[in-house]
Amino acid sequence: MSDIKQKEEKQPGVFTWAMKYGVGAALAGILCCVAPAILFMFGLMGGVYAISFANFFYAEDGSTGIGAWVLRGIAVLIGLFGIWRYRKKQNQCSIDPKRKRKNLIMVSLIIVLLGVGLFFTLDRLSAWYFDEYIVPAQQEEYKEMDEKNK
């Protein structure tokens, strides 16, 4: 019984907590581009479908659409939830208030920096992957469709 109580009162790890919510927020925010790239990479989706999946989240002119903004909003909510949950969990522990404040600031900064940094990294990588592999596959698929229809 004392082991369970001791585990409940143990303070959550700053870096582990921040990694979990920072990575989760980044992946949620860039899901529109990473998901079709991964599905294409594993052969579960062709180039035409991968691009149409990604286009669902963007406007006709290629700018960020409502779908992409919804995903980014969800990403922010995941990050905020992680910070709120850390604060709530940390308040169950009997540690120095200055240390609690320092830990909360650290976890908040790490979640924000990791989430934003990973988001932009995945954004660049997925854009490169689309240009390098998916767009040529899409063009090849369209070419094959045209040849079949003739």
C-alpha atoms as a PDB file:
ATOM      1  CA  MET A   1       0.000   0.000   0.000  1.00  0.00           C
ATOM      2  CA  SER A   2       2.827   2.406   0.776  1.00  0.00           C
ATOM      3  CA  ASP A   3       4.332   1.817  -2.705  1.00  0.00           C
ATOM      4  CA  ILE A   4       1.131   2.976  -4.381  1.00  0.00           C
ATOM      5  CA  LYS A   5       0.912   6.074  -2.199  1.00  0.00           C
ATOM      6  CA  GLN A   6       4.582   6.817  -2.826  1.00  0.00           C
ATOM      7  CA  LYS A   7       4.102   6.538  -6.628  1.00  0.00           C
ATOM      8  CA  GLU A   8       1.086   8.860  -6.495  1.00  0.00           C
ATOM      9  CA  GLU A   9       3.044  11.503  -4.605  1.00  0.00           C
ATOM     10  CA  LYS A  10       6.128  11.258  -6.821  1.00  0.00           C
ATOM     11  CA  GLN A  11       6.688  14.414  -8.829  1.00  0.00           C
ATOM     12  CA  PRO A  12       6.336  13.979 -12.607  1.00  0.00           C
ATOM     13  CA  GLY A  13       9.586  14.140 -14.618  1.00  0.00           C
ATOM     14  CA  VAL A  14      10.007  17.526 -16.319  1.00  0.00           C
ATOM     15  CA  PHE A  15      11.713  16.322 -19.489  1.00  0.00           C
ATOM     16  CA  THR A  16       9.656  13.168 -19.931  1.00  0.00           C
ATOM     17  CA  TRP A  17       6.453  15.132 -19.466  1.00  0.00           C
ATOM     18  CA  ALA A  18       7.542  17.899 -21.834  1.00  0.00           C
ATOM     19  CA  MET A  19       8.657  15.404 -24.484  1.00  0.00           C
ATOM     20  CA  LYS A  20       5.323  13.602 -24.364  1.00  0.00           C
ATOM     21  CA  TYR A  21       3.194  16.714 -24.789  1.00  0.00           C
ATOM     22  CA  GLY A  22       5.621  18.649 -27.021  1.00  0.00           C
ATOM     23  CA  VAL A  23       5.912  15.797 -29.522  1.00  0.00           C
ATOM     24  CA  GLY A  24       2.172  15.147 -29.324  1.00  0.00           C
ATOM     25  CA  ALA A  25       1.380  18.776 -30.071  1.00  0.00           C
ATOM     26  CA  ALA A  26       3.833  18.915 -32.990  1.00  0.00           C
ATOM     27  CA  LEU A  27       2.456  15.750 -34.565  1.00  0.00           C
ATOM     28  CA  ALA A  28      -1.129  16.928 -34.166  1.00  0.00           C
ATOM     29  CA  GLY A  29      -0.293  20.259 -35.805  1.00  0.00           C
ATOM     30  CA  ILE A  30       1.444  18.744 -38.835  1.00  0.00           C
ATOM     31  CA  LEU A  31      -0.756  15.671 -39.257  1.00  0.00           C
ATOM     32  CA  CYS A  32      -2.055  17.025 -42.566  1.00  0.00           C
ATOM     33  CA  CYS A  33       1.344  16.592 -44.201  1.00  0.00           C
ATOM     34  CA  VAL A  34       3.044  13.838 -42.242  1.00  0.00           C
ATOM     35  CA  ALA A  35       0.191  11.306 -42.433  1.00  0.00           C
ATOM     36  CA  PRO A  36      -0.017  11.173 -46.253  1.00  0.00           C
ATOM     37  CA  ALA A  37       3.784  11.133 -46.538  1.00  0.00           C
ATOM     38  CA  ILE A  38       4.027   8.147 -44.176  1.00  0.00           C
ATOM     39  CA  LEU A  39       1.160   6.310 -45.862  1.00  0.00           C
ATOM     40  CA  PHE A  40       2.790   6.917 -49.258  1.00  0.00           C
ATOM     41  CA  MET A  41       6.183   5.844 -47.912  1.00  0.00           C
ATOM     42  CA  PHE A  42       4.774   2.475 -46.837  1.00  0.00           C
ATOM     43  CA  GLY A  43       2.898   1.995 -50.094  1.00  0.00           C
ATOM     44  CA  LEU A  44      -0.538   2.315 -48.519  1.00  0.00           C
ATOM     45  CA  MET A  45      -1.463   5.368 -50.568  1.00  0.00           C
ATOM     46  CA  GLY A  46      -0.637   6.516 -54.091  1.00  0.00           C
ATOM     47  CA  GLY A  47       0.628   9.948 -55.064  1.00  0.00           C
ATOM     48  CA  VAL A  48      -2.758  11.214 -56.251  1.00  0.00           C
ATOM     49  CA  TYR A  49      -4.472  10.255 -53.000  1.00  0.00           C
ATOM     50  CA  ALA A  50      -1.622  11.551 -50.846  1.00  0.00           C
ATOM     51  CA  ILE A  51      -1.800  14.973 -52.443  1.00  0.00           C
ATOM     52  CA  SER A  52      -5.600  15.084 -52.341  1.00  0.00           C
ATOM     53  CA  PHE A  53      -5.450  14.154 -48.635  1.00  0.00           C
ATOM     54  CA  ALA A  54      -3.011  16.995 -47.950  1.00  0.00           C
ATOM     55  CA  ASN A  55      -4.994  19.415 -50.149  1.00  0.00           C
ATOM     56  CA  PHE A  56      -8.030  18.891 -47.934  1.00  0.00           C
ATOM     57  CA  PHE A  57      -6.281  21.020 -45.306  1.00  0.00           C
ATOM     58  CA  TYR A  58      -5.184  23.842 -47.610  1.00  0.00           C
ATOM     59  CA  ALA A  59      -6.901  26.510 -49.698  1.00  0.00           C
ATOM     60  CA  GLU A  60      -7.066  26.365 -53.510  1.00  0.00           C
ATOM     61  CA  ASP A  61      -4.078  28.703 -53.855  1.00  0.00           C
ATOM     62  CA  GLY A  62      -1.925  26.495 -51.589  1.00  0.00           C
ATOM     63  CA  SER A  63      -2.128  28.759 -48.553  1.00  0.00           C
ATOM     64  CA  THR A  64      -3.045  27.436 -45.132  1.00  0.00           C
ATOM     65  CA  GLY A  65      -6.715  26.509 -45.006  1.00  0.00           C
ATOM     66  CA  ILE A  66      -9.230  26.060 -42.246  1.00  0.00           C
ATOM     67  CA  GLY A  67      -8.356  22.379 -41.783  1.00  0.00           C
ATOM     68  CA  ALA A  68      -4.683  23.163 -41.148  1.00  0.00           C
ATOM     69  CA  TRP A  69      -5.612  25.915 -38.680  1.00  0.00           C
ATOM     70  CA  VAL A  70      -7.904  23.501 -36.845  1.00  0.00           C
ATOM     71  CA  LEU A  71      -5.013  21.035 -36.508  1.00  0.00           C
ATOM     72  CA  ARG A  72      -2.726  23.800 -35.259  1.00  0.00           C
ATOM     73  CA  GLY A  73      -5.371  24.860 -32.750  1.00  0.00           C
ATOM     74  CA  ILE A  74      -5.592  21.271 -31.523  1.00  0.00           C
ATOM     75  CA  ALA A  75      -1.792  21.256 -31.206  1.00  0.00           C
ATOM     76  CA  VAL A  76      -1.891  24.374 -29.025  1.00  0.00           C
ATOM     77  CA  LEU A  77      -4.629  22.811 -26.896  1.00  0.00           C
ATOM     78  CA  ILE A  78      -2.524  19.666 -26.423  1.00  0.00           C
ATOM     79  CA  GLY A  79       0.429  21.789 -25.278  1.00  0.00           C
ATOM     80  CA  LEU A  80      -1.727  23.835 -22.912  1.00  0.00           C
ATOM     81  CA  PHE A  81      -3.335  20.674 -21.557  1.00  0.00           C
ATOM     82  CA  GLY A  82       0.121  19.234 -20.885  1.00  0.00           C
ATOM     83  CA  ILE A  83       1.144  22.347 -18.949  1.00  0.00           C
ATOM     84  CA  TRP A  84      -2.126  22.452 -16.996  1.00  0.00           C
ATOM     85  CA  ARG A  85      -1.940  18.741 -16.206  1.00  0.00           C
ATOM     86  CA  TYR A  86       1.694  19.038 -15.078  1.00  0.00           C
ATOM     87  CA  ARG A  87       0.789  21.895 -12.760  1.00  0.00           C
ATOM     88  CA  LYS A  88      -2.113  19.937 -11.313  1.00  0.00           C
ATOM     89  CA  LYS A  89      -0.007  16.798 -10.822  1.00  0.00           C
ATOM     90  CA  GLN A  90       2.878  18.804  -9.380  1.00  0.00           C
ATOM     91  CA  ASN A  91       0.569  20.462  -6.842  1.00  0.00           C
ATOM     92  CA  GLN A  92      -0.100  17.021  -5.347  1.00  0.00           C
ATOM     93  CA  CYS A  93       3.540  16.859  -4.301  1.00  0.00           C
ATOM     94  CA  SER A  94       4.882  18.552  -1.229  1.00  0.00           C
ATOM     95  CA  ILE A  95       7.867  20.383  -2.692  1.00  0.00           C
ATOM     96  CA  ASP A  96       9.176  23.897  -2.385  1.00  0.00           C
ATOM     97  CA  PRO A  97       6.929  26.484  -4.146  1.00  0.00           C
ATOM     98  CA  LYS A  98       9.968  28.057  -5.836  1.00  0.00           C
ATOM     99  CA  ARG A  99      10.949  24.677  -7.247  1.00  0.00           C
ATOM    100  CA  LYS A 100       7.367  24.104  -8.434  1.00  0.00           C
ATOM    101  CA  ARG A 101       7.394  27.451 -10.235  1.00  0.00           C
ATOM    102  CA  LYS A 102      10.807  26.742 -11.787  1.00  0.00           C
ATOM    103  CA  ASN A 103       9.683  23.287 -12.935  1.00  0.00           C
ATOM    104  CA  LEU A 104       6.455  24.675 -14.394  1.00  0.00           C
ATOM    105  CA  ILE A 105       8.386  27.326 -16.332  1.00  0.00           C
ATOM    106  CA  MET A 106      10.850  24.691 -17.575  1.00  0.00           C
ATOM    107  CA  VAL A 107       8.144  22.274 -18.686  1.00  0.00           C
ATOM    108  CA  SER A 108       6.248  25.102 -20.400  1.00  0.00           C
ATOM    109  CA  LEU A 109       9.326  26.307 -22.284  1.00  0.00           C
ATOM    110  CA  ILE A 110      10.327  22.809 -23.323  1.00  0.00           C
ATOM    111  CA  ILE A 111       6.817  21.972 -24.558  1.00  0.00           C
ATOM    112  CA  VAL A 112       6.652  25.197 -26.577  1.00  0.00           C
ATOM    113  CA  LEU A 113      10.173  24.992 -28.000  1.00  0.00           C
ATOM    114  CA  LEU A 114       9.992  21.285 -28.751  1.00  0.00           C
ATOM    115  CA  GLY A 115       6.487  21.514 -30.214  1.00  0.00           C
ATOM    116  CA  VAL A 116       7.231  24.489 -32.440  1.00  0.00           C
ATOM    117  CA  GLY A 117      10.689  23.237 -33.425  1.00  0.00           C
ATOM    118  CA  LEU A 118       9.475  19.760 -34.311  1.00  0.00           C
ATOM    119  CA  PHE A 119       6.460  21.203 -36.146  1.00  0.00           C
ATOM    120  CA  PHE A 120       8.660  23.334 -38.415  1.00  0.00           C
ATOM    121  CA  THR A 121      11.180  20.514 -38.896  1.00  0.00           C
ATOM    122  CA  LEU A 122       8.453  18.086 -39.931  1.00  0.00           C
ATOM    123  CA  ASP A 123       6.901  20.786 -42.119  1.00  0.00           C
ATOM    124  CA  ARG A 124      10.167  21.219 -44.041  1.00  0.00           C
ATOM    125  CA  LEU A 125      10.804  17.488 -44.269  1.00  0.00           C
ATOM    126  CA  SER A 126       7.299  16.714 -45.487  1.00  0.00           C
ATOM    127  CA  ALA A 127       7.475  19.530 -48.072  1.00  0.00           C
ATOM    128  CA  TRP A 128      10.767  18.129 -49.338  1.00  0.00           C
ATOM    129  CA  TYR A 129       9.367  14.583 -49.401  1.00  0.00           C
ATOM    130  CA  PHE A 130       6.268  15.707 -51.300  1.00  0.00           C
ATOM    131  CA  ASP A 131       8.366  17.566 -53.893  1.00  0.00           C
ATOM    132  CA  GLU A 132      10.930  14.773 -54.226  1.00  0.00           C
ATOM    133  CA  TYR A 133       8.734  11.663 -54.227  1.00  0.00           C
ATOM    134  CA  ILE A 134       4.981  12.199 -54.044  1.00  0.00           C
ATOM    135  CA  VAL A 135       4.539  14.832 -56.765  1.00  0.00           C
ATOM    136  CA  PRO A 136       6.530  12.801 -59.334  1.00  0.00           C
ATOM    137  CA  ALA A 137       4.492   9.700 -58.396  1.00  0.00           C
ATOM    138  CA  GLN A 138       1.293  11.704 -58.825  1.00  0.00           C
ATOM    139  CA  GLN A 139       2.387  12.905 -62.256  1.00  0.00           C
ATOM    140  CA  GLU A 140       3.271   9.336 -63.256  1.00  0.00           C
ATOM    141  CA  GLU A 141      -0.116   8.090 -62.050  1.00  0.00           C
ATOM    142  CA  TYR A 142      -1.909  10.784 -64.077  1.00  0.00           C
ATOM    143  CA  LYS A 143       0.176   9.882 -67.114  1.00  0.00           C
ATOM    144  CA  GLU A 144      -0.779   6.191 -66.737  1.00  0.00           C
ATOM    145  CA  MET A 145      -4.464   7.151 -66.375  1.00  0.00           C
ATOM    146  CA  ASP A 146      -4.310   9.218 -69.565  1.00  0.00           C
ATOM    147  CA  GLU A 147      -2.699   6.326 -71.462  1.00  0.00           C
ATOM    148  CA  LYS A 148      -5.401   3.904 -70.264  1.00  0.00           C
ATOM    149  CA  ASN A 149      -8.179   6.293 -71.289  1.00  0.00           C
ATOM    150  CA  LYS A 150      -6.862   6.658 -74.864  1.00  0.00           C
END
